[in-house]
Amino acid sequence: MDAASAVLDADQKDSRIFAKRKIPGRIDGVVAVAMSIDASELQLAEVSDHDGFFNNPIMLGAWL
């Protein structure tokens, strides 16, 4: 049902964004899947610095 309500649109900077086709429709699931696919393609650096984590607990890893 989420996929039936989602359409690709372009914003002012020509970036692709999801938009709703119908007002009562929901697109949360489609957006979550797209974000997880994008995140899975990122590579995390091999970090074994536990002191860095304890000094800055918000940091979960280093992005390359």
N, C-alpha and C. Protein backbone atom coordinates (compact mmCIF):
# COMPACT_ATOMS: atom_id res chain seq x y z
N MET A 1 0.82 -1.19 0.00
CA MET A 1 0.00 0.00 0.00
C MET A 1 0.86 1.25 0.00
N ASP A 2 2.00 1.20 0.70
CA ASP A 2 2.89 2.36 0.70
C ASP A 2 3.42 2.63 -0.70
N ALA A 3 3.82 1.57 -1.39
CA ALA A 3 4.39 1.72 -2.73
C ALA A 3 3.36 2.26 -3.72
N ALA A 4 2.09 1.94 -3.52
CA ALA A 4 1.05 2.44 -4.41
C ALA A 4 0.84 3.94 -4.24
N SER A 5 1.18 4.48 -3.08
CA SER A 5 0.98 5.90 -2.82
C SER A 5 2.20 6.75 -3.14
N ALA A 6 3.36 6.13 -3.35
CA ALA A 6 4.60 6.87 -3.55
C ALA A 6 4.90 7.11 -5.03
N VAL A 7 5.32 8.31 -5.34
CA VAL A 7 5.80 8.66 -6.67
C VAL A 7 7.11 9.41 -6.51
N LEU A 8 7.99 9.29 -7.50
CA LEU A 8 9.25 10.05 -7.47
C LEU A 8 9.00 11.43 -8.06
N ASP A 9 9.57 12.41 -7.41
CA ASP A 9 9.43 13.79 -7.84
C ASP A 9 10.81 14.42 -7.78
N ALA A 10 10.96 15.62 -8.28
CA ALA A 10 12.23 16.35 -8.21
C ALA A 10 12.02 17.63 -7.42
N ASP A 11 13.02 17.96 -6.59
CA ASP A 11 12.92 19.22 -5.85
C ASP A 11 13.61 20.33 -6.64
N GLN A 12 13.84 21.48 -6.00
CA GLN A 12 14.42 22.63 -6.69
C GLN A 12 15.85 22.38 -7.14
N LYS A 13 16.57 21.48 -6.47
CA LYS A 13 17.96 21.18 -6.81
C LYS A 13 18.08 19.96 -7.70
N ASP A 14 16.97 19.50 -8.27
CA ASP A 14 16.91 18.32 -9.14
C ASP A 14 17.25 17.03 -8.42
N SER A 15 17.07 17.00 -7.11
CA SER A 15 17.26 15.78 -6.34
C SER A 15 15.96 14.98 -6.40
N ARG A 16 16.09 13.66 -6.37
CA ARG A 16 14.90 12.82 -6.39
C ARG A 16 14.34 12.70 -4.98
N ILE A 17 13.04 12.91 -4.86
CA ILE A 17 12.37 12.80 -3.57
C ILE A 17 11.08 11.99 -3.77
N PHE A 18 10.61 11.40 -2.69
CA PHE A 18 9.33 10.71 -2.73
C PHE A 18 8.22 11.70 -2.40
N ALA A 19 7.12 11.56 -3.09
CA ALA A 19 5.94 12.38 -2.83
C ALA A 19 4.73 11.45 -2.78
N LYS A 20 3.67 11.94 -2.17
CA LYS A 20 2.45 11.13 -2.07
C LYS A 20 1.57 11.38 -3.28
N ARG A 21 1.02 10.31 -3.81
CA ARG A 21 0.07 10.43 -4.91
C ARG A 21 -1.30 10.84 -4.37
N LYS A 22 -1.68 10.28 -3.22
CA LYS A 22 -2.99 10.55 -2.63
C LYS A 22 -2.78 11.12 -1.23
N ILE A 23 -3.65 11.99 -0.82
CA ILE A 23 -3.53 12.60 0.50
C ILE A 23 -3.59 11.57 1.63
N PRO A 24 -4.53 10.63 1.65
CA PRO A 24 -4.57 9.71 2.80
C PRO A 24 -3.49 8.62 2.74
N GLY A 25 -2.76 8.53 1.65
CA GLY A 25 -1.74 7.49 1.51
C GLY A 25 -0.54 7.74 2.40
N ARG A 26 0.20 6.68 2.65
CA ARG A 26 1.41 6.78 3.47
C ARG A 26 2.59 6.29 2.64
N ILE A 27 3.75 6.92 2.80
CA ILE A 27 4.94 6.51 2.06
C ILE A 27 6.10 6.19 2.99
N ASP A 28 5.84 6.08 4.28
CA ASP A 28 6.90 5.85 5.27
C ASP A 28 7.69 4.59 4.98
N GLY A 29 7.02 3.51 4.61
CA GLY A 29 7.71 2.25 4.34
C GLY A 29 8.64 2.34 3.16
N VAL A 30 8.22 3.02 2.10
CA VAL A 30 9.05 3.17 0.90
C VAL A 30 10.27 4.02 1.22
N VAL A 31 10.09 5.08 1.97
CA VAL A 31 11.21 5.94 2.35
C VAL A 31 12.19 5.17 3.23
N ALA A 32 11.70 4.37 4.16
CA ALA A 32 12.57 3.59 5.04
C ALA A 32 13.38 2.57 4.24
N VAL A 33 12.77 1.93 3.27
CA VAL A 33 13.50 0.96 2.44
C VAL A 33 14.58 1.67 1.63
N ALA A 34 14.25 2.82 1.03
CA ALA A 34 15.24 3.57 0.25
C ALA A 34 16.41 4.02 1.12
N MET A 35 16.12 4.47 2.34
CA MET A 35 17.18 4.90 3.24
C MET A 35 18.05 3.73 3.67
N SER A 36 17.46 2.57 3.90
CA SER A 36 18.25 1.41 4.33
C SER A 36 19.13 0.89 3.19
N ILE A 37 18.63 0.96 1.95
CA ILE A 37 19.46 0.55 0.81
C ILE A 37 20.64 1.49 0.68
N ASP A 38 20.41 2.79 0.80
CA ASP A 38 21.49 3.76 0.71
C ASP A 38 22.51 3.56 1.83
N ALA A 39 22.03 3.33 3.04
CA ALA A 39 22.93 3.14 4.17
C ALA A 39 23.74 1.85 4.04
N SER A 40 23.16 0.84 3.42
CA SER A 40 23.88 -0.42 3.27
C SER A 40 25.02 -0.30 2.28
N GLU A 41 24.97 0.69 1.40
CA GLU A 41 26.03 0.88 0.42
C GLU A 41 27.20 1.68 0.97
N LEU A 42 27.03 2.31 2.13
CA LEU A 42 28.12 3.05 2.76
C LEU A 42 29.11 2.07 3.37
N GLN A 43 30.34 2.48 3.41
CA GLN A 43 31.35 1.63 4.02
C GLN A 43 31.80 2.27 5.33
N LEU A 44 31.84 1.46 6.36
CA LEU A 44 32.33 1.94 7.65
C LEU A 44 33.81 1.64 7.77
N ALA A 45 34.54 2.56 8.34
CA ALA A 45 35.96 2.35 8.56
C ALA A 45 36.15 1.34 9.68
N GLU A 46 37.23 0.60 9.60
CA GLU A 46 37.57 -0.33 10.67
C GLU A 46 38.06 0.49 11.86
N VAL A 47 37.24 0.59 12.87
CA VAL A 47 37.58 1.40 14.04
C VAL A 47 37.63 0.48 15.25
N SER A 48 38.76 0.45 15.91
CA SER A 48 38.87 -0.33 17.13
C SER A 48 39.24 0.56 18.30
N ASP A 49 38.92 1.83 18.20
CA ASP A 49 39.24 2.81 19.23
C ASP A 49 38.08 2.91 20.20
N HIS A 50 38.12 2.11 21.26
CA HIS A 50 37.05 2.14 22.26
C HIS A 50 37.10 3.41 23.09
N ASP A 51 38.29 3.97 23.30
CA ASP A 51 38.39 5.22 24.07
C ASP A 51 37.68 6.35 23.34
N GLY A 52 37.79 6.38 22.01
CA GLY A 52 37.10 7.40 21.24
C GLY A 52 35.59 7.31 21.41
N PHE A 53 35.08 6.09 21.48
CA PHE A 53 33.64 5.92 21.68
C PHE A 53 33.21 6.41 23.04
N PHE A 54 33.98 6.10 24.07
CA PHE A 54 33.60 6.51 25.41
C PHE A 54 33.76 8.02 25.61
N ASN A 55 34.68 8.64 24.87
CA ASN A 55 34.83 10.09 24.95
C ASN A 55 33.73 10.81 24.17
N ASN A 56 33.22 10.19 23.12
CA ASN A 56 32.18 10.78 22.29
C ASN A 56 31.15 9.70 21.97
N PRO A 57 30.22 9.39 22.88
CA PRO A 57 29.31 8.26 22.69
C PRO A 57 28.32 8.46 21.54
N ILE A 58 28.13 9.66 21.05
CA ILE A 58 27.23 9.89 19.92
C ILE A 58 27.84 9.28 18.65
N MET A 59 29.15 9.31 18.55
CA MET A 59 29.84 8.78 17.38
C MET A 59 29.72 7.26 17.37
N LEU A 60 29.11 6.70 16.35
CA LEU A 60 28.92 5.25 16.25
C LEU A 60 29.94 4.60 15.34
N GLY A 61 30.66 5.36 14.58
CA GLY A 61 31.65 4.83 13.65
C GLY A 61 32.13 5.95 12.74
N ALA A 62 33.15 5.69 12.01
CA ALA A 62 33.69 6.68 11.09
C ALA A 62 33.24 6.35 9.68
N TRP A 63 32.70 7.32 9.01
CA TRP A 63 32.24 7.12 7.62
C TRP A 63 33.36 7.44 6.66
N LEU A 64 33.50 6.67 5.66
CA LEU A 64 34.49 6.93 4.61
C LEU A 64 33.86 7.67 3.48
